[in-house]
Amino acid sequence: MNPKTSLIRPFGLQFDLAEGVMHDPADHVVRKASDMRGYYADEAALEQLISSANDPVHYETFDSPVPEEYGQVKFCISKLYPGVVGEECFMTKGHYHAVLETGELYLCLKGQGLLLLKLSDGTSTWEQFVPGRMVYVPPYWAHRSVNVGDEPLISLCIYPGDAGHNYRDIKSNGFPNRVFRRNGLIVVEKSGKRNAL
């Protein structure tokens, strides 16, 4: 046995996949609009949303009771609500892994969205989320979920136990791509260039 890896008992967990809920999670994180300051392009629209809509929930995560250790496999449910800040679609904060050499797998269970991805050199891309579609995030890529639909975007996320999360670099540097809802279209913008989906 590796001394860095705990010996734990096998276990099962109950999910409500339609509602995007893990029963008895080890941790349940709720991010409201006020937690998203510094992430959206239109800060005034965010402040307006916080005050006029009573600080709505942007997303929740339900985390498995698996140790954050080498050799373990962590998993969680991500539930990202629909909405816009100004014209920008609701999104998660996004993160690199603290251990950059680790990947992650997302399985979309419900809703529609995009997974924005970027490397530290500015290279960026995105992948579509639709139910039943898996998206693989290779090592070194930061990633952020964006809800482009009218219902919660629910994903199952699976990643190495020791991967960790680095939100700090995203807060300071952001993502090159932003996703907007304009005139009934979903538009992905990168440095002023627009692509309608």
C-alpha atoms as a PDB file:
ATOM      1  CA  MET A   1       0.000   0.000   0.000  1.00  0.00           C
ATOM      2  CA  ASN A   2       1.098   3.535  -0.766  1.00  0.00           C
ATOM      3  CA  PRO A   3       1.552   5.439   2.529  1.00  0.00           C
ATOM      4  CA  LYS A   4       0.087   8.561   0.831  1.00  0.00           C
ATOM      5  CA  THR A   5      -3.224   6.821   0.150  1.00  0.00           C
ATOM      6  CA  SER A   6      -5.781   6.000   2.857  1.00  0.00           C
ATOM      7  CA  LEU A   7      -7.428   2.605   2.974  1.00  0.00           C
ATOM      8  CA  ILE A   8     -11.171   3.328   2.964  1.00  0.00           C
ATOM      9  CA  ARG A   9     -14.199   1.069   2.707  1.00  0.00           C
ATOM     10  CA  PRO A  10     -16.167   0.838  -0.547  1.00  0.00           C
ATOM     11  CA  PHE A  11     -19.419   2.785  -0.414  1.00  0.00           C
ATOM     12  CA  GLY A  12     -22.400   3.842  -2.483  1.00  0.00           C
ATOM     13  CA  LEU A  13     -24.202   7.172  -2.737  1.00  0.00           C
ATOM     14  CA  GLN A  14     -27.707   8.032  -3.845  1.00  0.00           C
ATOM     15  CA  PHE A  15     -28.228  10.706  -6.515  1.00  0.00           C
ATOM     16  CA  ASP A  16     -31.279  12.486  -7.829  1.00  0.00           C
ATOM     17  CA  LEU A  17     -29.943  13.094 -11.320  1.00  0.00           C
ATOM     18  CA  ALA A  18     -33.066  14.892 -12.546  1.00  0.00           C
ATOM     19  CA  GLU A  19     -32.713  17.469  -9.752  1.00  0.00           C
ATOM     20  CA  GLY A  20     -28.907  17.503  -9.748  1.00  0.00           C
ATOM     21  CA  VAL A  21     -28.585  16.522  -6.097  1.00  0.00           C
ATOM     22  CA  MET A  22     -26.243  14.129  -4.283  1.00  0.00           C
ATOM     23  CA  HIS A  23     -27.778  12.852  -1.048  1.00  0.00           C
ATOM     24  CA  ASP A  24     -25.549  13.144   2.031  1.00  0.00           C
ATOM     25  CA  PRO A  25     -22.602  14.860   0.305  1.00  0.00           C
ATOM     26  CA  ALA A  26     -19.361  15.414   2.184  1.00  0.00           C
ATOM     27  CA  ASP A  27     -19.590  19.088   1.209  1.00  0.00           C
ATOM     28  CA  HIS A  28     -22.310  21.218  -0.386  1.00  0.00           C
ATOM     29  CA  VAL A  29     -21.015  24.513  -1.816  1.00  0.00           C
ATOM     30  CA  VAL A  30     -23.487  27.230  -2.804  1.00  0.00           C
ATOM     31  CA  ARG A  31     -22.201  30.170  -4.869  1.00  0.00           C
ATOM     32  CA  LYS A  32     -24.455  33.220  -5.043  1.00  0.00           C
ATOM     33  CA  ALA A  33     -24.210  36.226  -7.338  1.00  0.00           C
ATOM     34  CA  SER A  34     -22.286  38.115  -4.628  1.00  0.00           C
ATOM     35  CA  ASP A  35     -19.620  35.363  -4.695  1.00  0.00           C
ATOM     36  CA  MET A  36     -19.065  36.095  -8.401  1.00  0.00           C
ATOM     37  CA  ARG A  37     -17.754  39.648  -8.059  1.00  0.00           C
ATOM     38  CA  GLY A  38     -14.750  40.119 -10.333  1.00  0.00           C
ATOM     39  CA  TYR A  39     -15.768  37.402 -12.797  1.00  0.00           C
ATOM     40  CA  TYR A  40     -18.327  39.065 -15.099  1.00  0.00           C
ATOM     41  CA  ALA A  41     -17.646  41.717 -17.751  1.00  0.00           C
ATOM     42  CA  ASP A  42     -20.467  43.989 -16.529  1.00  0.00           C
ATOM     43  CA  GLU A  43     -19.885  44.577 -12.809  1.00  0.00           C
ATOM     44  CA  ALA A  44     -22.719  47.129 -12.605  1.00  0.00           C
ATOM     45  CA  ALA A  45     -25.188  44.554 -13.970  1.00  0.00           C
ATOM     46  CA  LEU A  46     -23.967  42.051 -11.373  1.00  0.00           C
ATOM     47  CA  GLU A  47     -24.511  44.539  -8.539  1.00  0.00           C
ATOM     48  CA  GLN A  48     -27.984  45.284  -9.922  1.00  0.00           C
ATOM     49  CA  LEU A  49     -28.782  41.545  -9.970  1.00  0.00           C
ATOM     50  CA  ILE A  50     -27.541  41.129  -6.388  1.00  0.00           C
ATOM     51  CA  SER A  51     -29.750  43.953  -5.104  1.00  0.00           C
ATOM     52  CA  SER A  52     -32.867  43.494  -7.252  1.00  0.00           C
ATOM     53  CA  ALA A  53     -33.072  39.678  -7.304  1.00  0.00           C
ATOM     54  CA  ASN A  54     -32.048  39.077  -3.675  1.00  0.00           C
ATOM     55  CA  ASP A  55     -28.554  37.704  -4.484  1.00  0.00           C
ATOM     56  CA  PRO A  56     -29.622  34.639  -6.523  1.00  0.00           C
ATOM     57  CA  VAL A  57     -27.781  31.331  -6.453  1.00  0.00           C
ATOM     58  CA  HIS A  58     -25.524  30.855  -9.489  1.00  0.00           C
ATOM     59  CA  TYR A  59     -24.417  27.287  -8.862  1.00  0.00           C
ATOM     60  CA  GLU A  60     -24.078  24.486  -6.353  1.00  0.00           C
ATOM     61  CA  THR A  61     -21.680  21.573  -6.048  1.00  0.00           C
ATOM     62  CA  PHE A  62     -22.226  18.365  -4.111  1.00  0.00           C
ATOM     63  CA  ASP A  63     -18.925  16.710  -3.215  1.00  0.00           C
ATOM     64  CA  SER A  64     -18.246  13.023  -2.555  1.00  0.00           C
ATOM     65  CA  PRO A  65     -16.758  11.819   0.742  1.00  0.00           C
ATOM     66  CA  VAL A  66     -13.528  10.652  -0.916  1.00  0.00           C
ATOM     67  CA  PRO A  67     -10.195  11.798   0.571  1.00  0.00           C
ATOM     68  CA  GLU A  68      -8.254  14.380  -1.465  1.00  0.00           C
ATOM     69  CA  GLU A  69      -5.304  12.028  -1.890  1.00  0.00           C
ATOM     70  CA  TYR A  70      -3.141  10.406  -4.530  1.00  0.00           C
ATOM     71  CA  GLY A  71      -4.766   7.208  -5.782  1.00  0.00           C
ATOM     72  CA  GLN A  72      -8.333   8.194  -4.895  1.00  0.00           C
ATOM     73  CA  VAL A  73     -10.965   9.271  -7.448  1.00  0.00           C
ATOM     74  CA  LYS A  74     -13.067  12.300  -6.472  1.00  0.00           C
ATOM     75  CA  PHE A  75     -16.489  12.979  -7.982  1.00  0.00           C
ATOM     76  CA  CYS A  76     -19.110  15.661  -7.598  1.00  0.00           C
ATOM     77  CA  ILE A  77     -22.355  16.960  -9.038  1.00  0.00           C
ATOM     78  CA  SER A  78     -22.324  20.494 -10.447  1.00  0.00           C
ATOM     79  CA  LYS A  79     -25.664  22.325 -10.794  1.00  0.00           C
ATOM     80  CA  LEU A  80     -25.396  25.635 -12.654  1.00  0.00           C
ATOM     81  CA  TYR A  81     -28.573  27.699 -12.817  1.00  0.00           C
ATOM     82  CA  PRO A  82     -29.830  29.551 -15.920  1.00  0.00           C
ATOM     83  CA  GLY A  83     -29.636  33.333 -16.080  1.00  0.00           C
ATOM     84  CA  VAL A  84     -27.668  36.313 -17.317  1.00  0.00           C
ATOM     85  CA  VAL A  85     -25.621  39.132 -15.823  1.00  0.00           C
ATOM     86  CA  GLY A  86     -26.374  41.902 -18.277  1.00  0.00           C
ATOM     87  CA  GLU A  87     -26.135  39.734 -21.390  1.00  0.00           C
ATOM     88  CA  GLU A  88     -23.460  37.329 -20.089  1.00  0.00           C
ATOM     89  CA  CYS A  89     -24.640  33.798 -19.286  1.00  0.00           C
ATOM     90  CA  PHE A  90     -24.350  32.445 -15.751  1.00  0.00           C
ATOM     91  CA  MET A  91     -21.060  30.613 -15.260  1.00  0.00           C
ATOM     92  CA  THR A  92     -18.905  28.953 -12.625  1.00  0.00           C
ATOM     93  CA  LYS A  93     -15.752  30.606 -11.344  1.00  0.00           C
ATOM     94  CA  GLY A  94     -13.597  28.120 -13.234  1.00  0.00           C
ATOM     95  CA  HIS A  95     -10.286  26.686 -12.104  1.00  0.00           C
ATOM     96  CA  TYR A  96      -6.990  25.099 -12.922  1.00  0.00           C
ATOM     97  CA  HIS A  97      -6.119  22.013 -10.932  1.00  0.00           C
ATOM     98  CA  ALA A  98      -3.613  22.664  -8.164  1.00  0.00           C
ATOM     99  CA  VAL A  99      -1.735  19.654  -9.560  1.00  0.00           C
ATOM    100  CA  LEU A 100      -1.591  20.846 -13.180  1.00  0.00           C
ATOM    101  CA  GLU A 101      -0.769  17.378 -14.504  1.00  0.00           C
ATOM    102  CA  THR A 102      -4.260  16.056 -13.721  1.00  0.00           C
ATOM    103  CA  GLY A 103      -7.308  15.795 -15.982  1.00  0.00           C
ATOM    104  CA  GLU A 104     -11.051  15.754 -15.343  1.00  0.00           C
ATOM    105  CA  LEU A 105     -14.089  14.173 -16.961  1.00  0.00           C
ATOM    106  CA  TYR A 106     -17.487  15.909 -17.220  1.00  0.00           C
ATOM    107  CA  LEU A 107     -20.684  14.038 -18.088  1.00  0.00           C
ATOM    108  CA  CYS A 108     -23.625  16.324 -18.889  1.00  0.00           C
ATOM    109  CA  LEU A 109     -26.801  14.920 -17.321  1.00  0.00           C
ATOM    110  CA  LYS A 110     -29.266  17.735 -18.009  1.00  0.00           C
ATOM    111  CA  GLY A 111     -29.421  21.152 -19.631  1.00  0.00           C
ATOM    112  CA  GLN A 112     -27.268  22.852 -22.253  1.00  0.00           C
ATOM    113  CA  GLY A 113     -24.023  24.697 -21.892  1.00  0.00           C
ATOM    114  CA  LEU A 114     -20.424  25.178 -22.848  1.00  0.00           C
ATOM    115  CA  LEU A 115     -17.218  24.200 -21.117  1.00  0.00           C
ATOM    116  CA  LEU A 116     -14.678  26.968 -21.688  1.00  0.00           C
ATOM    117  CA  LEU A 117     -11.052  25.807 -21.642  1.00  0.00           C
ATOM    118  CA  LYS A 118      -7.741  27.655 -21.674  1.00  0.00           C
ATOM    119  CA  LEU A 119      -4.023  27.140 -21.250  1.00  0.00           C
ATOM    120  CA  SER A 120      -1.770  29.574 -19.402  1.00  0.00           C
ATOM    121  CA  ASP A 121      -0.293  30.774 -22.745  1.00  0.00           C
ATOM    122  CA  GLY A 122      -3.721  32.113 -23.820  1.00  0.00           C
ATOM    123  CA  THR A 123      -4.710  29.192 -26.062  1.00  0.00           C
ATOM    124  CA  SER A 124      -8.444  28.660 -25.660  1.00  0.00           C
ATOM    125  CA  THR A 125     -11.354  26.584 -26.931  1.00  0.00           C
ATOM    126  CA  TRP A 126     -14.763  25.343 -25.814  1.00  0.00           C
ATOM    127  CA  GLU A 127     -16.835  22.175 -25.906  1.00  0.00           C
ATOM    128  CA  GLN A 128     -20.614  21.762 -25.910  1.00  0.00           C
ATOM    129  CA  PHE A 129     -22.580  20.311 -23.030  1.00  0.00           C
ATOM    130  CA  VAL A 130     -25.738  18.407 -23.945  1.00  0.00           C
ATOM    131  CA  PRO A 131     -27.253  15.463 -22.035  1.00  0.00           C
ATOM    132  CA  GLY A 132     -25.259  12.271 -22.525  1.00  0.00           C
ATOM    133  CA  ARG A 133     -22.164  14.069 -23.843  1.00  0.00           C
ATOM    134  CA  MET A 134     -18.854  13.603 -22.038  1.00  0.00           C
ATOM    135  CA  VAL A 135     -16.132  16.235 -22.166  1.00  0.00           C
ATOM    136  CA  TYR A 136     -12.552  15.371 -21.255  1.00  0.00           C
ATOM    137  CA  VAL A 137     -10.387  18.124 -19.762  1.00  0.00           C
ATOM    138  CA  PRO A 138      -6.727  17.156 -20.275  1.00  0.00           C
ATOM    139  CA  PRO A 139      -3.986  18.114 -17.806  1.00  0.00           C
ATOM    140  CA  TYR A 140      -2.891  21.788 -17.834  1.00  0.00           C
ATOM    141  CA  TRP A 141      -6.263  23.170 -19.043  1.00  0.00           C
ATOM    142  CA  ALA A 142      -8.316  25.564 -16.893  1.00  0.00           C
ATOM    143  CA  HIS A 143     -12.046  25.041 -17.278  1.00  0.00           C
ATOM    144  CA  ARG A 144     -15.311  26.885 -16.603  1.00  0.00           C
ATOM    145  CA  SER A 145     -18.938  25.809 -17.154  1.00  0.00           C
ATOM    146  CA  VAL A 146     -21.456  28.194 -18.746  1.00  0.00           C
ATOM    147  CA  ASN A 147     -25.226  27.630 -18.844  1.00  0.00           C
ATOM    148  CA  VAL A 148     -26.666  28.659 -22.239  1.00  0.00           C
ATOM    149  CA  GLY A 149     -30.113  27.113 -21.704  1.00  0.00           C
ATOM    150  CA  ASP A 150     -33.284  27.772 -19.742  1.00  0.00           C
ATOM    151  CA  GLU A 151     -32.945  25.014 -17.125  1.00  0.00           C
ATOM    152  CA  PRO A 152     -30.158  24.011 -14.718  1.00  0.00           C
ATOM    153  CA  LEU A 153     -27.010  22.612 -16.328  1.00  0.00           C
ATOM    154  CA  ILE A 154     -26.222  19.459 -14.355  1.00  0.00           C
ATOM    155  CA  SER A 155     -22.924  17.592 -14.710  1.00  0.00           C
ATOM    156  CA  LEU A 156     -21.148  14.712 -13.034  1.00  0.00           C
ATOM    157  CA  CYS A 157     -17.450  15.565 -12.613  1.00  0.00           C
ATOM    158  CA  ILE A 158     -14.729  12.944 -11.987  1.00  0.00           C
ATOM    159  CA  TYR A 159     -11.087  13.765 -11.226  1.00  0.00           C
ATOM    160  CA  PRO A 160      -8.003  12.483  -9.338  1.00  0.00           C
ATOM    161  CA  GLY A 161      -8.253  12.773  -5.586  1.00  0.00           C
ATOM    162  CA  ASP A 162      -5.138  14.917  -5.252  1.00  0.00           C
ATOM    163  CA  ALA A 163      -5.953  17.278  -8.170  1.00  0.00           C
ATOM    164  CA  GLY A 164      -7.054  20.204  -5.995  1.00  0.00           C
ATOM    165  CA  HIS A 165      -8.445  23.516  -7.265  1.00  0.00           C
ATOM    166  CA  ASN A 166      -6.683  26.761  -8.147  1.00  0.00           C
ATOM    167  CA  TYR A 167      -9.254  29.577  -8.406  1.00  0.00           C
ATOM    168  CA  ARG A 168      -6.747  32.355  -7.716  1.00  0.00           C
ATOM    169  CA  ASP A 169      -5.208  32.453 -11.219  1.00  0.00           C
ATOM    170  CA  ILE A 170      -8.656  32.588 -12.842  1.00  0.00           C
ATOM    171  CA  LYS A 171      -9.751  35.471 -10.578  1.00  0.00           C
ATOM    172  CA  SER A 172      -6.665  37.455 -11.638  1.00  0.00           C
ATOM    173  CA  ASN A 173      -6.471  36.507 -15.338  1.00  0.00           C
ATOM    174  CA  GLY A 174      -9.989  35.410 -16.335  1.00  0.00           C
ATOM    175  CA  PHE A 175     -10.804  33.483 -19.520  1.00  0.00           C
ATOM    176  CA  PRO A 176     -10.272  34.744 -23.095  1.00  0.00           C
ATOM    177  CA  ASN A 177     -13.797  33.624 -24.089  1.00  0.00           C
ATOM    178  CA  ARG A 178     -17.054  35.060 -22.766  1.00  0.00           C
ATOM    179  CA  VAL A 179     -20.549  33.779 -23.547  1.00  0.00           C
ATOM    180  CA  PHE A 180     -23.507  36.126 -24.120  1.00  0.00           C
ATOM    181  CA  ARG A 181     -27.208  35.810 -24.924  1.00  0.00           C
ATOM    182  CA  ARG A 182     -27.967  38.465 -27.559  1.00  0.00           C
ATOM    183  CA  ASN A 183     -31.139  38.806 -29.638  1.00  0.00           C
ATOM    184  CA  GLY A 184     -32.061  35.174 -28.983  1.00  0.00           C
ATOM    185  CA  LEU A 185     -28.605  33.887 -29.996  1.00  0.00           C
ATOM    186  CA  ILE A 186     -25.762  32.495 -27.914  1.00  0.00           C
ATOM    187  CA  VAL A 187     -22.596  34.388 -28.818  1.00  0.00           C
ATOM    188  CA  VAL A 188     -19.051  33.421 -27.807  1.00  0.00           C
ATOM    189  CA  GLU A 189     -16.699  36.401 -27.812  1.00  0.00           C
ATOM    190  CA  LYS A 190     -12.922  36.300 -27.742  1.00  0.00           C
ATOM    191  CA  SER A 191     -11.086  39.628 -27.621  1.00  0.00           C
ATOM    192  CA  GLY A 192     -13.829  41.402 -29.554  1.00  0.00           C
ATOM    193  CA  LYS A 193     -14.338  38.616 -32.128  1.00  0.00           C
ATOM    194  CA  ARG A 194     -17.788  37.013 -32.106  1.00  0.00           C
ATOM    195  CA  ASN A 195     -19.038  33.553 -33.000  1.00  0.00           C
ATOM    196  CA  ALA A 196     -22.769  32.779 -32.844  1.00  0.00           C
ATOM    197  CA  LEU A 197     -23.708  29.199 -32.003  1.00  0.00           C
END
